[in-house]
PDB file of N, CA and C in Angstrom:
ATOM      1  N   VAL A   1     -20.395  -3.253 -19.229  1.00  0.00           N
ATOM      2  CA  VAL A   1     -21.670  -2.446 -19.010  1.00  0.00           C
ATOM      3  C   VAL A   1     -21.427  -1.189 -18.206  1.00  0.00           C
ATOM      4  N   ALA A   2     -20.717  -1.267 -17.165  1.00  0.00           N
ATOM      5  CA  ALA A   2     -20.445  -0.058 -16.357  1.00  0.00           C
ATOM      6  C   ALA A   2     -19.817   0.956 -17.071  1.00  0.00           C
ATOM      7  N   HIS A   3     -18.671   0.563 -17.913  1.00  0.00           N
ATOM      8  CA  HIS A   3     -18.011   1.525 -18.696  1.00  0.00           C
ATOM      9  C   HIS A   3     -18.848   2.207 -19.679  1.00  0.00           C
ATOM     10  N   TYR A   4     -19.740   1.457 -20.379  1.00  0.00           N
ATOM     11  CA  TYR A   4     -20.567   1.959 -21.347  1.00  0.00           C
ATOM     12  C   TYR A   4     -21.635   3.031 -20.788  1.00  0.00           C
ATOM     13  N   ASN A   5     -22.069   2.632 -19.575  1.00  0.00           N
ATOM     14  CA  ASN A   5     -22.994   3.566 -18.860  1.00  0.00           C
ATOM     15  C   ASN A   5     -22.420   4.869 -18.429  1.00  0.00           C
ATOM     16  N   ARG A   6     -21.067   4.664 -18.018  1.00  0.00           N
ATOM     17  CA  ARG A   6     -20.378   5.920 -17.605  1.00  0.00           C
ATOM     18  C   ARG A   6     -20.146   6.843 -18.807  1.00  0.00           C
ATOM     19  N   GLU A   7     -19.722   6.251 -19.969  1.00  0.00           N
ATOM     20  CA  GLU A   7     -19.557   7.032 -21.224  1.00  0.00           C
ATOM     21  C   GLU A   7     -20.836   7.728 -21.582  1.00  0.00           C
ATOM     22  N   ARG A   8     -21.938   7.023 -21.451  1.00  0.00           N
ATOM     23  CA  ARG A   8     -23.174   7.602 -21.925  1.00  0.00           C
ATOM     24  C   ARG A   8     -23.589   8.810 -20.945  1.00  0.00           C
ATOM     25  N   VAL A   9     -23.386   8.606 -19.706  1.00  0.00           N
ATOM     26  CA  VAL A   9     -23.746   9.698 -18.780  1.00  0.00           C
ATOM     27  C   VAL A   9     -22.902  10.904 -18.946  1.00  0.00           C
ATOM     28  N   SER A  10     -21.511  10.617 -19.096  1.00  0.00           N
ATOM     29  CA  SER A  10     -20.681  11.795 -19.134  1.00  0.00           C
ATOM     30  C   SER A  10     -20.662  12.504 -20.495  1.00  0.00           C
ATOM     31  N   GLY A  11     -20.861  11.695 -21.564  1.00  0.00           N
ATOM     32  CA  GLY A  11     -20.784  12.280 -22.895  1.00  0.00           C
ATOM     33  C   GLY A  11     -22.171  12.926 -23.269  1.00  0.00           C
ATOM     34  N   VAL A  12     -23.245  12.222 -23.132  1.00  0.00           N
ATOM     35  CA  VAL A  12     -24.527  12.705 -23.652  1.00  0.00           C
ATOM     36  C   VAL A  12     -25.453  13.261 -22.467  1.00  0.00           C
ATOM     37  N   GLY A  13     -25.098  12.861 -21.304  1.00  0.00           N
ATOM     38  CA  GLY A  13     -26.007  13.194 -20.192  1.00  0.00           C
ATOM     39  C   GLY A  13     -27.174  12.357 -20.074  1.00  0.00           C
ATOM     40  N   ALA A  14     -27.122  11.178 -20.607  1.00  0.00           N
ATOM     41  CA  ALA A  14     -28.294  10.306 -20.521  1.00  0.00           C
ATOM     42  C   ALA A  14     -28.383   9.678 -19.160  1.00  0.00           C
ATOM     43  N   THR A  15     -29.691   9.104 -18.957  1.00  0.00           N
ATOM     44  CA  THR A  15     -29.805   8.493 -17.630  1.00  0.00           C
ATOM     45  C   THR A  15     -29.383   7.029 -17.758  1.00  0.00           C
ATOM     46  N   VAL A  16     -29.156   6.428 -16.637  1.00  0.00           N
ATOM     47  CA  VAL A  16     -28.687   5.059 -16.579  1.00  0.00           C
ATOM     48  C   VAL A  16     -29.966   4.114 -16.160  1.00  0.00           C
ATOM     49  N   ASP A  17     -29.995   3.035 -16.895  1.00  0.00           N
ATOM     50  CA  ASP A  17     -31.068   2.014 -16.561  1.00  0.00           C
ATOM     51  C   ASP A  17     -30.812   1.454 -15.175  1.00  0.00           C
ATOM     52  N   LYS A  18     -31.950   1.496 -14.361  1.00  0.00           N
ATOM     53  CA  LYS A  18     -31.716   0.912 -13.001  1.00  0.00           C
ATOM     54  C   LYS A  18     -31.342  -0.530 -12.983  1.00  0.00           C
ATOM     55  N   ALA A  19     -31.858  -1.302 -13.930  1.00  0.00           N
ATOM     56  CA  ALA A  19     -31.545  -2.707 -14.023  1.00  0.00           C
ATOM     57  C   ALA A  19     -30.017  -2.888 -14.285  1.00  0.00           C
ATOM     58  N   ALA A  20     -29.531  -2.068 -15.102  1.00  0.00           N
ATOM     59  CA  ALA A  20     -28.017  -2.117 -15.348  1.00  0.00           C
ATOM     60  C   ALA A  20     -27.162  -1.791 -14.152  1.00  0.00           C
ATOM     61  N   VAL A  21     -27.669  -0.892 -13.368  1.00  0.00           N
ATOM     62  CA  VAL A  21     -26.969  -0.522 -12.108  1.00  0.00           C
ATOM     63  C   VAL A  21     -27.056  -1.617 -11.077  1.00  0.00           C
ATOM     64  N   LYS A  22     -28.270  -2.254 -11.005  1.00  0.00           N
ATOM     65  CA  LYS A  22     -28.390  -3.368 -10.143  1.00  0.00           C
ATOM     66  C   LYS A  22     -27.539  -4.582 -10.422  1.00  0.00           C
ATOM     67  N   LYS A  23     -27.460  -4.780 -11.816  1.00  0.00           N
ATOM     68  CA  LYS A  23     -26.674  -5.913 -12.273  1.00  0.00           C
ATOM     69  C   LYS A  23     -25.112  -5.642 -12.051  1.00  0.00           C
ATOM     70  N   ASN A  24     -24.689  -4.436 -12.180  1.00  0.00           N
ATOM     71  CA  ASN A  24     -23.303  -4.030 -11.933  1.00  0.00           C
ATOM     72  C   ASN A  24     -22.970  -4.290 -10.431  1.00  0.00           C
ATOM     73  N   LEU A  25     -23.963  -3.741  -9.690  1.00  0.00           N
ATOM     74  CA  LEU A  25     -23.732  -3.847  -8.215  1.00  0.00           C
ATOM     75  C   LEU A  25     -23.648  -5.373  -7.705  1.00  0.00           C
ATOM     76  N   ALA A  26     -24.503  -6.214  -8.361  1.00  0.00           N
ATOM     77  CA  ALA A  26     -24.473  -7.543  -8.089  1.00  0.00           C
ATOM     78  C   ALA A  26     -23.121  -8.218  -8.409  1.00  0.00           C
ATOM     79  N   CYS A  27     -22.498  -7.755  -9.478  1.00  0.00           N
ATOM     80  CA  CYS A  27     -21.200  -8.206  -9.739  1.00  0.00           C
ATOM     81  C   CYS A  27     -20.092  -7.690  -8.904  1.00  0.00           C
ATOM     82  N   LEU A  28     -20.266  -6.455  -8.431  1.00  0.00           N
ATOM     83  CA  LEU A  28     -19.263  -5.840  -7.606  1.00  0.00           C
ATOM     84  C   LEU A  28     -19.197  -6.371  -6.056  1.00  0.00           C
ATOM     85  N   THR A  29     -20.351  -6.752  -5.661  1.00  0.00           N
ATOM     86  CA  THR A  29     -20.479  -7.054  -4.248  1.00  0.00           C
ATOM     87  C   THR A  29     -19.617  -8.368  -3.900  1.00  0.00           C
ATOM     88  N   PRO A  30     -19.789  -9.444  -4.702  1.00  0.00           N
ATOM     89  CA  PRO A  30     -18.947 -10.511  -4.401  1.00  0.00           C
ATOM     90  C   PRO A  30     -17.373 -10.288  -4.501  1.00  0.00           C
ATOM     91  N   GLU A  31     -16.990  -9.444  -5.420  1.00  0.00           N
ATOM     92  CA  GLU A  31     -15.606  -9.114  -5.616  1.00  0.00           C
ATOM     93  C   GLU A  31     -15.138  -8.338  -4.391  1.00  0.00           C
ATOM     94  N   GLN A  32     -15.955  -7.467  -3.873  1.00  0.00           N
ATOM     95  CA  GLN A  32     -15.631  -6.649  -2.680  1.00  0.00           C
ATOM     96  C   GLN A  32     -15.460  -7.550  -1.522  1.00  0.00           C
ATOM     97  N   GLU A  33     -16.416  -8.549  -1.296  1.00  0.00           N
ATOM     98  CA  GLU A  33     -16.348  -9.466  -0.254  1.00  0.00           C
ATOM     99  C   GLU A  33     -15.005 -10.295  -0.338  1.00  0.00           C
ATOM    100  N   ARG A  34     -14.668 -10.687  -1.561  1.00  0.00           N
ATOM    101  CA  ARG A  34     -13.522 -11.485  -1.768  1.00  0.00           C
ATOM    102  C   ARG A  34     -12.270 -10.721  -1.429  1.00  0.00           C
ATOM    103  N   GLN A  35     -12.179  -9.489  -1.689  1.00  0.00           N
ATOM    104  CA  GLN A  35     -11.000  -8.680  -1.308  1.00  0.00           C
ATOM    105  C   GLN A  35     -10.955  -8.390   0.184  1.00  0.00           C
ATOM    106  N   HIS A  36     -12.038  -8.263   0.797  1.00  0.00           N
ATOM    107  CA  HIS A  36     -12.125  -8.103   2.262  1.00  0.00           C
ATOM    108  C   HIS A  36     -11.668  -9.344   2.914  1.00  0.00           C
ATOM    109  N   ASP A  37     -12.076 -10.539   2.451  1.00  0.00           N
ATOM    110  CA  ASP A  37     -11.627 -11.794   3.049  1.00  0.00           C
ATOM    111  C   ASP A  37     -10.125 -11.917   2.831  1.00  0.00           C
ATOM    112  N   TYR A  38      -9.608 -11.550   1.693  1.00  0.00           N
ATOM    113  CA  TYR A  38      -8.192 -11.731   1.472  1.00  0.00           C
ATOM    114  C   TYR A  38      -7.415 -10.822   2.382  1.00  0.00           C
ATOM    115  N   PHE A  39      -7.705  -9.560   2.630  1.00  0.00           N
ATOM    116  CA  PHE A  39      -7.104  -8.679   3.541  1.00  0.00           C
ATOM    117  C   PHE A  39      -7.223  -9.186   5.048  1.00  0.00           C
ATOM    118  N   LYS A  40      -8.395  -9.718   5.293  1.00  0.00           N
ATOM    119  CA  LYS A  40      -8.604 -10.350   6.644  1.00  0.00           C
ATOM    120  C   LYS A  40      -7.771 -11.615   6.969  1.00  0.00           C
ATOM    121  N   ASP A  41      -7.684 -12.507   5.967  1.00  0.00           N
ATOM    122  CA  ASP A  41      -7.124 -13.778   6.102  1.00  0.00           C
ATOM    123  C   ASP A  41      -5.615 -13.728   5.785  1.00  0.00           C
ATOM    124  N   GLY A  42      -5.191 -12.765   5.007  1.00  0.00           N
ATOM    125  CA  GLY A  42      -3.863 -12.648   4.574  1.00  0.00           C
ATOM    126  C   GLY A  42      -3.591 -13.401   3.239  1.00  0.00           C
ATOM    127  N   PRO A  43      -2.364 -13.342   2.785  1.00  0.00           N
ATOM    128  CA  PRO A  43      -2.013 -14.067   1.548  1.00  0.00           C
ATOM    129  C   PRO A  43      -2.217 -15.700   1.784  1.00  0.00           C
ATOM    130  N   TYR A  44      -2.743 -16.182   0.746  1.00  0.00           N
ATOM    131  CA  TYR A  44      -3.045 -17.606   0.756  1.00  0.00           C
ATOM    132  C   TYR A  44      -1.833 -18.497   0.514  1.00  0.00           C
ATOM    133  N   ILE A  45      -0.738 -17.920  -0.104  1.00  0.00           N
ATOM    134  CA  ILE A  45       0.467 -18.741  -0.344  1.00  0.00           C
ATOM    135  C   ILE A  45       1.621 -17.974   0.339  1.00  0.00           C
ATOM    136  N   SER A  46       2.714 -18.784   0.620  1.00  0.00           N
ATOM    137  CA  SER A  46       3.801 -18.072   1.362  1.00  0.00           C
ATOM    138  C   SER A  46       4.696 -17.425   0.309  1.00  0.00           C
ATOM    139  N   THR A  47       5.646 -16.642   0.798  1.00  0.00           N
ATOM    140  CA  THR A  47       6.611 -15.897  -0.166  1.00  0.00           C
ATOM    141  C   THR A  47       7.349 -16.969  -0.867  1.00  0.00           C
ATOM    142  N   GLU A  48       7.817 -18.042  -0.311  1.00  0.00           N
ATOM    143  CA  GLU A  48       8.612 -18.991  -0.921  1.00  0.00           C
ATOM    144  C   GLU A  48       7.867 -19.696  -2.099  1.00  0.00           C
ATOM    145  N   GLU A  49       6.638 -20.049  -1.832  1.00  0.00           N
ATOM    146  CA  GLU A  49       5.784 -20.610  -2.823  1.00  0.00           C
ATOM    147  C   GLU A  49       5.573 -19.661  -4.009  1.00  0.00           C
ATOM    148  N   ALA A  50       5.355 -18.382  -3.729  1.00  0.00           N
ATOM    149  CA  ALA A  50       5.143 -17.411  -4.818  1.00  0.00           C
ATOM    150  C   ALA A  50       6.408 -17.291  -5.634  1.00  0.00           C
ATOM    151  N   VAL A  51       7.547 -17.310  -5.001  1.00  0.00           N
ATOM    152  CA  VAL A  51       8.856 -17.162  -5.833  1.00  0.00           C
ATOM    153  C   VAL A  51       9.019 -18.410  -6.610  1.00  0.00           C
ATOM    154  N   ALA A  52       8.688 -19.589  -6.136  1.00  0.00           N
ATOM    155  CA  ALA A  52       8.875 -20.871  -6.871  1.00  0.00           C
ATOM    156  C   ALA A  52       7.886 -20.863  -8.112  1.00  0.00           C
ATOM    157  N   ILE A  53       6.682 -20.379  -7.876  1.00  0.00           N
ATOM    158  CA  ILE A  53       5.741 -20.288  -9.082  1.00  0.00           C
ATOM    159  C   ILE A  53       6.235 -19.361 -10.037  1.00  0.00           C
ATOM    160  N   TYR A  54       6.674 -18.169  -9.637  1.00  0.00           N
ATOM    161  CA  TYR A  54       7.140 -17.243 -10.551  1.00  0.00           C
ATOM    162  C   TYR A  54       8.307 -17.598 -11.312  1.00  0.00           C
ATOM    163  N   THR A  55       9.260 -18.295 -10.653  1.00  0.00           N
ATOM    164  CA  THR A  55      10.508 -18.648 -11.334  1.00  0.00           C
ATOM    165  C   THR A  55      10.289 -19.914 -12.218  1.00  0.00           C
ATOM    166  N   ALA A  56       9.252 -20.718 -11.925  1.00  0.00           N
ATOM    167  CA  ALA A  56       9.009 -21.859 -12.730  1.00  0.00           C
ATOM    168  C   ALA A  56       8.312 -21.517 -14.098  1.00  0.00           C
ATOM    169  N   THR A  57       7.641 -20.429 -14.147  1.00  0.00           N
ATOM    170  CA  THR A  57       6.934 -20.088 -15.352  1.00  0.00           C
ATOM    171  C   THR A  57       7.697 -19.272 -16.325  1.00  0.00           C
TER     172      THR A  57
END
C-alpha cells in the first residue's frame, strides 16, 4: 500500500488517502518498537548458536 501511494504521489501528483496513511503508520509503529527493543536488549542468540544454525542449514 505504501509503495503504491508513493508511486501515485510522485508520478501523477495525486493526494494520498488519510486512511491509507494511518493504516501504514499502524503497521510501521510495532516494527519500529521491535527494532528499538532489539537494539536495547541486544541479540537474542549467541554467536555460537548463530554459527550452529547457519552451518546446519
